[in-house]
Amino acid sequence: MINLDIFNLSSREIALLIFLAQNRAAEKEIEITTTQLANFFNISQQTASRCLLKLDEMKVVTWKSSPKGSLVKLKPAGIHILDQLRFELEKALHPDLTSITLKGTVFAGRGEGKYYVSQPAYMKSFRSQLGYEPFHGTLNIRISAHYIDYLDLIRGSWPIIIKGFESEERPFDDVLCYPLKVVGLDAKVAGIFPRRSHYGANVLELISKVNIREELNLENDDEVVIEFPLKQKEGSD
């Protein structure tokens, strides 16, 4: 579902996602009626129901009946679409902005990065999509508060998608990759956002063909500077 984007949705569907997010449906399941939606958007209840049904079928929201109306929650794909909208608006409002700089500090992870990156199916996709086989592990960067909005812009830009798969043990979700640069390092680097991350929204995980921590002689709490080029969706120019 992650290949959905804002250019595949109607303006009404995007407006509905915005409305749901404003009512905290990105955080939790909320109760809402088609009458409320109809009144807010000046449409019929039938049209409101059709919109919700379509978003549910597209796996952008979860929608189920409740005694008082509907229970609705944005799925990760729905949140990603809103991130894309934010990115495109930022580019529209600042057309000369070609890159952003973020700063953060290194912290020790829990070992999940090594486990996930080393999966053979992921590794095959990394080689194919990124052109290299990453070091078996990630460098975890806690982005400084001043740069959190920039991190959201990265999430909203157009990723390289590492497809998920199913093993005998469990399913593995898609991973979104964003090529970027770590200041002081010559090797290629990508920021990754697993669909199910154990870290907070202020964390960026980095992969590279080299061990970034060793290459830059980094210790926990050391600062890292990241440069990210802002690119439009391929073919949108």
C-alpha atoms as a PDB file:
ATOM      1  CA  MET A   1       0.000   0.000   0.000  1.00  0.00           C
ATOM      2  CA  ILE A   2       2.966   2.296   0.421  1.00  0.00           C
ATOM      3  CA  ASN A   3       3.070   3.000  -3.334  1.00  0.00           C
ATOM      4  CA  LEU A   4      -0.085   5.100  -2.974  1.00  0.00           C
ATOM      5  CA  ASP A   5       0.578   8.805  -3.258  1.00  0.00           C
ATOM      6  CA  ILE A   6      -1.268  12.108  -3.227  1.00  0.00           C
ATOM      7  CA  PHE A   7      -1.557  12.138  -7.033  1.00  0.00           C
ATOM      8  CA  ASN A   8      -3.703   8.999  -6.906  1.00  0.00           C
ATOM      9  CA  LEU A   9      -6.292  10.473  -4.557  1.00  0.00           C
ATOM     10  CA  SER A  10      -9.021  13.007  -5.229  1.00  0.00           C
ATOM     11  CA  SER A  11      -9.024  16.377  -3.494  1.00  0.00           C
ATOM     12  CA  ARG A  12     -12.034  15.241  -1.447  1.00  0.00           C
ATOM     13  CA  GLU A  13     -10.223  12.121  -0.259  1.00  0.00           C
ATOM     14  CA  ILE A  14      -7.169  14.151   0.738  1.00  0.00           C
ATOM     15  CA  ALA A  15      -9.418  16.660   2.514  1.00  0.00           C
ATOM     16  CA  LEU A  16     -11.031  13.798   4.414  1.00  0.00           C
ATOM     17  CA  LEU A  17      -7.623  12.489   5.505  1.00  0.00           C
ATOM     18  CA  ILE A  18      -6.723  15.985   6.737  1.00  0.00           C
ATOM     19  CA  PHE A  19     -10.007  16.232   8.634  1.00  0.00           C
ATOM     20  CA  LEU A  20      -9.489  12.837  10.273  1.00  0.00           C
ATOM     21  CA  ALA A  21      -5.921  13.704  11.253  1.00  0.00           C
ATOM     22  CA  GLN A  22      -7.096  17.013  12.746  1.00  0.00           C
ATOM     23  CA  ASN A  23      -9.448  14.969  14.893  1.00  0.00           C
ATOM     24  CA  ARG A  24      -6.552  12.769  16.096  1.00  0.00           C
ATOM     25  CA  ALA A  25      -7.353   9.735  13.942  1.00  0.00           C
ATOM     26  CA  ALA A  26      -3.618   9.401  13.261  1.00  0.00           C
ATOM     27  CA  GLU A  27      -3.112   8.710  16.969  1.00  0.00           C
ATOM     28  CA  LYS A  28      -6.143   6.613  17.858  1.00  0.00           C
ATOM     29  CA  GLU A  29      -9.434   5.208  16.682  1.00  0.00           C
ATOM     30  CA  ILE A  30     -12.061   7.941  16.670  1.00  0.00           C
ATOM     31  CA  GLU A  31     -15.840   7.762  16.532  1.00  0.00           C
ATOM     32  CA  ILE A  32     -17.493   9.782  13.793  1.00  0.00           C
ATOM     33  CA  THR A  33     -20.723   9.731  11.818  1.00  0.00           C
ATOM     34  CA  THR A  34     -21.339  10.192   8.120  1.00  0.00           C
ATOM     35  CA  THR A  35     -23.763  12.958   9.117  1.00  0.00           C
ATOM     36  CA  GLN A  36     -20.876  14.882  10.707  1.00  0.00           C
ATOM     37  CA  LEU A  37     -18.766  14.410   7.580  1.00  0.00           C
ATOM     38  CA  ALA A  38     -21.649  15.363   5.308  1.00  0.00           C
ATOM     39  CA  ASN A  39     -22.288  18.575   7.236  1.00  0.00           C
ATOM     40  CA  PHE A  40     -18.617  19.529   7.402  1.00  0.00           C
ATOM     41  CA  PHE A  41     -17.923  18.970   3.687  1.00  0.00           C
ATOM     42  CA  ASN A  42     -21.391  19.955   2.463  1.00  0.00           C
ATOM     43  CA  ILE A  43     -21.930  16.599   0.771  1.00  0.00           C
ATOM     44  CA  SER A  44     -24.517  13.851   1.085  1.00  0.00           C
ATOM     45  CA  GLN A  45     -24.218  11.063   3.645  1.00  0.00           C
ATOM     46  CA  GLN A  46     -24.000   8.598   0.782  1.00  0.00           C
ATOM     47  CA  THR A  47     -21.002  10.449  -0.677  1.00  0.00           C
ATOM     48  CA  ALA A  48     -19.347  10.550   2.756  1.00  0.00           C
ATOM     49  CA  SER A  49     -19.877   6.797   3.118  1.00  0.00           C
ATOM     50  CA  ARG A  50     -18.439   6.128  -0.335  1.00  0.00           C
ATOM     51  CA  CYS A  51     -15.344   8.193   0.491  1.00  0.00           C
ATOM     52  CA  LEU A  52     -14.736   6.296   3.708  1.00  0.00           C
ATOM     53  CA  LEU A  53     -15.339   2.980   1.975  1.00  0.00           C
ATOM     54  CA  LYS A  54     -12.844   3.790  -0.778  1.00  0.00           C
ATOM     55  CA  LEU A  55     -10.149   4.874   1.703  1.00  0.00           C
ATOM     56  CA  ASP A  56     -10.774   1.673   3.633  1.00  0.00           C
ATOM     57  CA  GLU A  57     -10.495  -0.437   0.469  1.00  0.00           C
ATOM     58  CA  MET A  58      -7.253   1.349  -0.389  1.00  0.00           C
ATOM     59  CA  LYS A  59      -5.990   0.449   3.112  1.00  0.00           C
ATOM     60  CA  VAL A  60      -5.444   4.108   3.924  1.00  0.00           C
ATOM     61  CA  VAL A  61      -7.830   4.009   6.907  1.00  0.00           C
ATOM     62  CA  THR A  62      -9.529   1.370   8.988  1.00  0.00           C
ATOM     63  CA  TRP A  63     -13.289   1.821   9.109  1.00  0.00           C
ATOM     64  CA  LYS A  64     -15.828  -0.224  11.016  1.00  0.00           C
ATOM     65  CA  SER A  65     -19.338   0.312  12.325  1.00  0.00           C
ATOM     66  CA  SER A  66     -20.072   1.325  15.903  1.00  0.00           C
ATOM     67  CA  PRO A  67     -23.334   1.854  17.842  1.00  0.00           C
ATOM     68  CA  LYS A  68     -23.020   5.612  17.327  1.00  0.00           C
ATOM     69  CA  GLY A  69     -21.636   5.705  13.795  1.00  0.00           C
ATOM     70  CA  SER A  70     -18.179   4.674  12.583  1.00  0.00           C
ATOM     71  CA  LEU A  71     -14.812   3.974  14.161  1.00  0.00           C
ATOM     72  CA  VAL A  72     -12.035   5.336  11.950  1.00  0.00           C
ATOM     73  CA  LYS A  73      -8.248   5.396  12.247  1.00  0.00           C
ATOM     74  CA  LEU A  74      -5.539   6.417   9.807  1.00  0.00           C
ATOM     75  CA  LYS A  75      -3.267   3.572   8.770  1.00  0.00           C
ATOM     76  CA  PRO A  76       0.471   4.163   8.193  1.00  0.00           C
ATOM     77  CA  ALA A  77      -0.171   4.581   4.446  1.00  0.00           C
ATOM     78  CA  GLY A  78      -2.656   7.366   5.205  1.00  0.00           C
ATOM     79  CA  ILE A  79      -0.163   9.166   7.419  1.00  0.00           C
ATOM     80  CA  HIS A  80       2.459   8.767   4.698  1.00  0.00           C
ATOM     81  CA  ILE A  81       0.152  10.452   2.186  1.00  0.00           C
ATOM     82  CA  LEU A  82      -0.211  13.440   4.519  1.00  0.00           C
ATOM     83  CA  ASP A  83       3.585  13.554   4.866  1.00  0.00           C
ATOM     84  CA  GLN A  84       3.810  13.627   1.064  1.00  0.00           C
ATOM     85  CA  LEU A  85       1.325  16.485   0.948  1.00  0.00           C
ATOM     86  CA  ARG A  86       3.430  18.450   3.402  1.00  0.00           C
ATOM     87  CA  PHE A  87       6.562  17.822   1.329  1.00  0.00           C
ATOM     88  CA  GLU A  88       4.940  18.968  -1.914  1.00  0.00           C
ATOM     89  CA  LEU A  89       3.525  22.094  -0.261  1.00  0.00           C
ATOM     90  CA  GLU A  90       6.951  22.937   1.157  1.00  0.00           C
ATOM     91  CA  LYS A  91       8.471  22.594  -2.300  1.00  0.00           C
ATOM     92  CA  ALA A  92       5.705  24.735  -3.784  1.00  0.00           C
ATOM     93  CA  LEU A  93       6.148  27.489  -1.196  1.00  0.00           C
ATOM     94  CA  HIS A  94       9.970  27.385  -1.363  1.00  0.00           C
ATOM     95  CA  PRO A  95      10.833  26.422  -4.967  1.00  0.00           C
ATOM     96  CA  ASP A  96      14.491  27.419  -4.568  1.00  0.00           C
ATOM     97  CA  LEU A  97      15.026  25.083  -1.627  1.00  0.00           C
ATOM     98  CA  THR A  98      17.127  22.209  -2.974  1.00  0.00           C
ATOM     99  CA  SER A  99      18.406  20.544   0.193  1.00  0.00           C
ATOM    100  CA  ILE A 100      18.015  20.535   3.953  1.00  0.00           C
ATOM    101  CA  THR A 101      20.484  19.988   6.771  1.00  0.00           C
ATOM    102  CA  LEU A 102      19.692  18.060   9.933  1.00  0.00           C
ATOM    103  CA  LYS A 103      21.706  17.535  13.081  1.00  0.00           C
ATOM    104  CA  GLY A 104      21.382  14.820  15.674  1.00  0.00           C
ATOM    105  CA  THR A 105      23.294  12.700  18.148  1.00  0.00           C
ATOM    106  CA  VAL A 106      24.362   9.071  18.040  1.00  0.00           C
ATOM    107  CA  PHE A 107      22.810   6.619  20.459  1.00  0.00           C
ATOM    108  CA  ALA A 108      23.125   2.891  21.004  1.00  0.00           C
ATOM    109  CA  GLY A 109      20.363   0.792  19.480  1.00  0.00           C
ATOM    110  CA  ARG A 110      18.791  -2.431  20.642  1.00  0.00           C
ATOM    111  CA  GLY A 111      20.173  -4.645  17.895  1.00  0.00           C
ATOM    112  CA  GLU A 112      17.024  -4.661  15.756  1.00  0.00           C
ATOM    113  CA  GLY A 113      18.778  -2.842  12.913  1.00  0.00           C
ATOM    114  CA  LYS A 114      21.361  -5.584  12.509  1.00  0.00           C
ATOM    115  CA  TYR A 115      18.662  -8.251  12.618  1.00  0.00           C
ATOM    116  CA  TYR A 116      16.503  -6.617   9.951  1.00  0.00           C
ATOM    117  CA  VAL A 117      19.217  -5.364   7.598  1.00  0.00           C
ATOM    118  CA  SER A 118      20.888  -8.781   7.540  1.00  0.00           C
ATOM    119  CA  GLN A 119      17.755 -10.578   6.304  1.00  0.00           C
ATOM    120  CA  PRO A 120      18.685 -12.143   2.915  1.00  0.00           C
ATOM    121  CA  ALA A 121      15.509 -10.915   1.177  1.00  0.00           C
ATOM    122  CA  TYR A 122      16.119  -7.342   2.345  1.00  0.00           C
ATOM    123  CA  MET A 123      19.787  -7.578   1.434  1.00  0.00           C
ATOM    124  CA  LYS A 124      18.921  -8.657  -2.106  1.00  0.00           C
ATOM    125  CA  SER A 125      16.598  -5.648  -2.484  1.00  0.00           C
ATOM    126  CA  PHE A 126      19.202  -3.282  -1.050  1.00  0.00           C
ATOM    127  CA  ARG A 127      21.727  -4.460  -3.639  1.00  0.00           C
ATOM    128  CA  SER A 128      19.190  -4.057  -6.425  1.00  0.00           C
ATOM    129  CA  GLN A 129      17.628  -0.741  -5.347  1.00  0.00           C
ATOM    130  CA  LEU A 130      20.571   1.066  -3.706  1.00  0.00           C
ATOM    131  CA  GLY A 131      23.467  -0.456  -5.625  1.00  0.00           C
ATOM    132  CA  TYR A 132      25.299  -1.794  -2.593  1.00  0.00           C
ATOM    133  CA  GLU A 133      25.049  -4.300   0.219  1.00  0.00           C
ATOM    134  CA  PRO A 134      24.752  -2.471   3.553  1.00  0.00           C
ATOM    135  CA  PHE A 135      26.835  -3.138   6.612  1.00  0.00           C
ATOM    136  CA  HIS A 136      24.852  -5.444   8.908  1.00  0.00           C
ATOM    137  CA  GLY A 137      23.584  -2.798  11.277  1.00  0.00           C
ATOM    138  CA  THR A 138      22.236   0.734  11.448  1.00  0.00           C
ATOM    139  CA  LEU A 139      23.560   3.937  12.969  1.00  0.00           C
ATOM    140  CA  ASN A 140      20.849   5.450  15.136  1.00  0.00           C
ATOM    141  CA  ILE A 141      20.557   9.225  15.179  1.00  0.00           C
ATOM    142  CA  ARG A 142      18.297  11.102  17.567  1.00  0.00           C
ATOM    143  CA  ILE A 143      17.413  14.233  15.625  1.00  0.00           C
ATOM    144  CA  SER A 144      17.644  17.475  17.602  1.00  0.00           C
ATOM    145  CA  ALA A 145      14.324  19.166  18.389  1.00  0.00           C
ATOM    146  CA  HIS A 146      15.069  22.125  16.093  1.00  0.00           C
ATOM    147  CA  TYR A 147      15.267  19.774  13.075  1.00  0.00           C
ATOM    148  CA  ILE A 148      12.233  17.523  13.676  1.00  0.00           C
ATOM    149  CA  ASP A 149      10.186  19.319  11.017  1.00  0.00           C
ATOM    150  CA  TYR A 150      12.944  18.615   8.510  1.00  0.00           C
ATOM    151  CA  LEU A 151      12.823  14.940   9.419  1.00  0.00           C
ATOM    152  CA  ASP A 152       9.102  15.007   8.584  1.00  0.00           C
ATOM    153  CA  LEU A 153      10.012  16.462   5.178  1.00  0.00           C
ATOM    154  CA  ILE A 154      12.273  13.499   4.523  1.00  0.00           C
ATOM    155  CA  ARG A 155       9.441  11.126   5.371  1.00  0.00           C
ATOM    156  CA  GLY A 156       7.210  12.968   2.923  1.00  0.00           C
ATOM    157  CA  SER A 157       9.613  12.884  -0.014  1.00  0.00           C
ATOM    158  CA  TRP A 158       9.653  10.094  -2.580  1.00  0.00           C
ATOM    159  CA  PRO A 159      11.380   7.000  -1.199  1.00  0.00           C
ATOM    160  CA  ILE A 160      13.107   4.002  -2.629  1.00  0.00           C
ATOM    161  CA  ILE A 161      10.902   1.153  -1.475  1.00  0.00           C
ATOM    162  CA  ILE A 162      12.453  -2.041  -0.155  1.00  0.00           C
ATOM    163  CA  LYS A 163       9.608  -4.513  -0.421  1.00  0.00           C
ATOM    164  CA  GLY A 164       8.543  -6.560   2.534  1.00  0.00           C
ATOM    165  CA  PHE A 165       8.291 -10.333   2.505  1.00  0.00           C
ATOM    166  CA  GLU A 166       7.159 -13.290   4.578  1.00  0.00           C
ATOM    167  CA  SER A 167       9.505 -15.796   6.146  1.00  0.00           C
ATOM    168  CA  GLU A 168       8.693 -19.008   7.966  1.00  0.00           C
ATOM    169  CA  GLU A 169       8.969 -17.056  11.228  1.00  0.00           C
ATOM    170  CA  ARG A 170       6.957 -13.896  10.501  1.00  0.00           C
ATOM    171  CA  PRO A 171       6.072 -11.199   7.967  1.00  0.00           C
ATOM    172  CA  PHE A 172       8.510  -8.344   7.311  1.00  0.00           C
ATOM    173  CA  ASP A 173       7.131  -4.959   6.243  1.00  0.00           C
ATOM    174  CA  ASP A 174       8.278  -2.550   3.541  1.00  0.00           C
ATOM    175  CA  VAL A 175      11.241  -0.312   4.373  1.00  0.00           C
ATOM    176  CA  LEU A 176      11.402   3.233   3.014  1.00  0.00           C
ATOM    177  CA  CYS A 177      14.898   4.370   1.972  1.00  0.00           C
ATOM    178  CA  TYR A 178      16.048   7.939   1.351  1.00  0.00           C
ATOM    179  CA  PRO A 179      19.556   8.456  -0.090  1.00  0.00           C
ATOM    180  CA  LEU A 180      21.355  11.247   1.775  1.00  0.00           C
ATOM    181  CA  LYS A 181      24.800  12.395   2.820  1.00  0.00           C
ATOM    182  CA  VAL A 182      26.573  12.286   6.163  1.00  0.00           C
ATOM    183  CA  VAL A 183      29.002  15.195   6.363  1.00  0.00           C
ATOM    184  CA  GLY A 184      32.579  13.911   6.547  1.00  0.00           C
ATOM    185  CA  LEU A 185      31.798  10.506   5.030  1.00  0.00           C
ATOM    186  CA  ASP A 186      32.487   9.675   1.367  1.00  0.00           C
ATOM    187  CA  ALA A 187      30.456   6.461   1.263  1.00  0.00           C
ATOM    188  CA  LYS A 188      26.840   6.361   0.104  1.00  0.00           C
ATOM    189  CA  VAL A 189      24.293   6.507   2.913  1.00  0.00           C
ATOM    190  CA  ALA A 190      20.541   6.055   3.141  1.00  0.00           C
ATOM    191  CA  GLY A 191      18.118   6.964   5.871  1.00  0.00           C
ATOM    192  CA  ILE A 192      15.585   4.203   6.479  1.00  0.00           C
ATOM    193  CA  PHE A 193      12.147   4.178   8.028  1.00  0.00           C
ATOM    194  CA  PRO A 194      10.865   0.667   8.746  1.00  0.00           C
ATOM    195  CA  ARG A 195       7.088   0.524   8.667  1.00  0.00           C
ATOM    196  CA  ARG A 196       7.203  -0.779  12.226  1.00  0.00           C
ATOM    197  CA  SER A 197       9.912   0.994  14.149  1.00  0.00           C
ATOM    198  CA  HIS A 198      10.749   0.480  17.799  1.00  0.00           C
ATOM    199  CA  TYR A 199      11.998   4.057  18.015  1.00  0.00           C
ATOM    200  CA  GLY A 200      10.224   7.387  18.291  1.00  0.00           C
ATOM    201  CA  ALA A 201       9.385   9.831  15.520  1.00  0.00           C
ATOM    202  CA  ASN A 202      12.593  11.792  16.238  1.00  0.00           C
ATOM    203  CA  VAL A 203      14.924   8.934  15.244  1.00  0.00           C
ATOM    204  CA  LEU A 204      16.589   8.390  11.880  1.00  0.00           C
ATOM    205  CA  GLU A 205      18.353   5.096  11.177  1.00  0.00           C
ATOM    206  CA  LEU A 206      21.243   5.182   8.714  1.00  0.00           C
ATOM    207  CA  ILE A 207      22.652   2.399   6.558  1.00  0.00           C
ATOM    208  CA  SER A 208      25.760   2.345   4.371  1.00  0.00           C
ATOM    209  CA  LYS A 209      28.128  -0.160   2.799  1.00  0.00           C
ATOM    210  CA  VAL A 210      30.577   0.812   5.549  1.00  0.00           C
ATOM    211  CA  ASN A 211      30.284   0.847   9.325  1.00  0.00           C
ATOM    212  CA  ILE A 212      29.555   4.561   9.749  1.00  0.00           C
ATOM    213  CA  ARG A 213      30.292   4.542  13.481  1.00  0.00           C
ATOM    214  CA  GLU A 214      33.773   3.129  12.907  1.00  0.00           C
ATOM    215  CA  GLU A 215      34.536   5.175   9.788  1.00  0.00           C
ATOM    216  CA  LEU A 216      33.828   8.449  11.605  1.00  0.00           C
ATOM    217  CA  ASN A 217      35.072   7.201  14.989  1.00  0.00           C
ATOM    218  CA  LEU A 218      31.749   8.076  16.585  1.00  0.00           C
ATOM    219  CA  GLU A 219      30.799   7.605  20.213  1.00  0.00           C
ATOM    220  CA  ASN A 220      27.354   7.816  21.763  1.00  0.00           C
ATOM    221  CA  ASP A 221      26.154  11.449  22.054  1.00  0.00           C
ATOM    222  CA  ASP A 222      28.487  12.620  19.264  1.00  0.00           C
ATOM    223  CA  GLU A 223      26.835  14.993  16.797  1.00  0.00           C
ATOM    224  CA  VAL A 224      26.224  13.975  13.195  1.00  0.00           C
ATOM    225  CA  VAL A 225      25.331  16.398  10.384  1.00  0.00           C
ATOM    226  CA  ILE A 226      23.110  15.080   7.596  1.00  0.00           C
ATOM    227  CA  GLU A 227      22.370  16.685   4.235  1.00  0.00           C
ATOM    228  CA  PHE A 228      19.283  15.627   2.297  1.00  0.00           C
ATOM    229  CA  PRO A 229      18.508  16.699  -1.291  1.00  0.00           C
ATOM    230  CA  LEU A 230      14.884  17.635  -1.860  1.00  0.00           C
ATOM    231  CA  LYS A 231      13.703  15.935  -5.015  1.00  0.00           C
ATOM    232  CA  GLN A 232      10.350  15.915  -6.697  1.00  0.00           C
ATOM    233  CA  LYS A 233       8.708  12.661  -7.658  1.00  0.00           C
ATOM    234  CA  GLU A 234      10.423  11.250 -10.734  1.00  0.00           C
ATOM    235  CA  GLY A 235       8.534  12.363 -13.816  1.00  0.00           C
ATOM    236  CA  SER A 236       6.631  15.161 -12.050  1.00  0.00           C
ATOM    237  CA  ASP A 237       8.674  17.991 -13.552  1.00  0.00           C
END
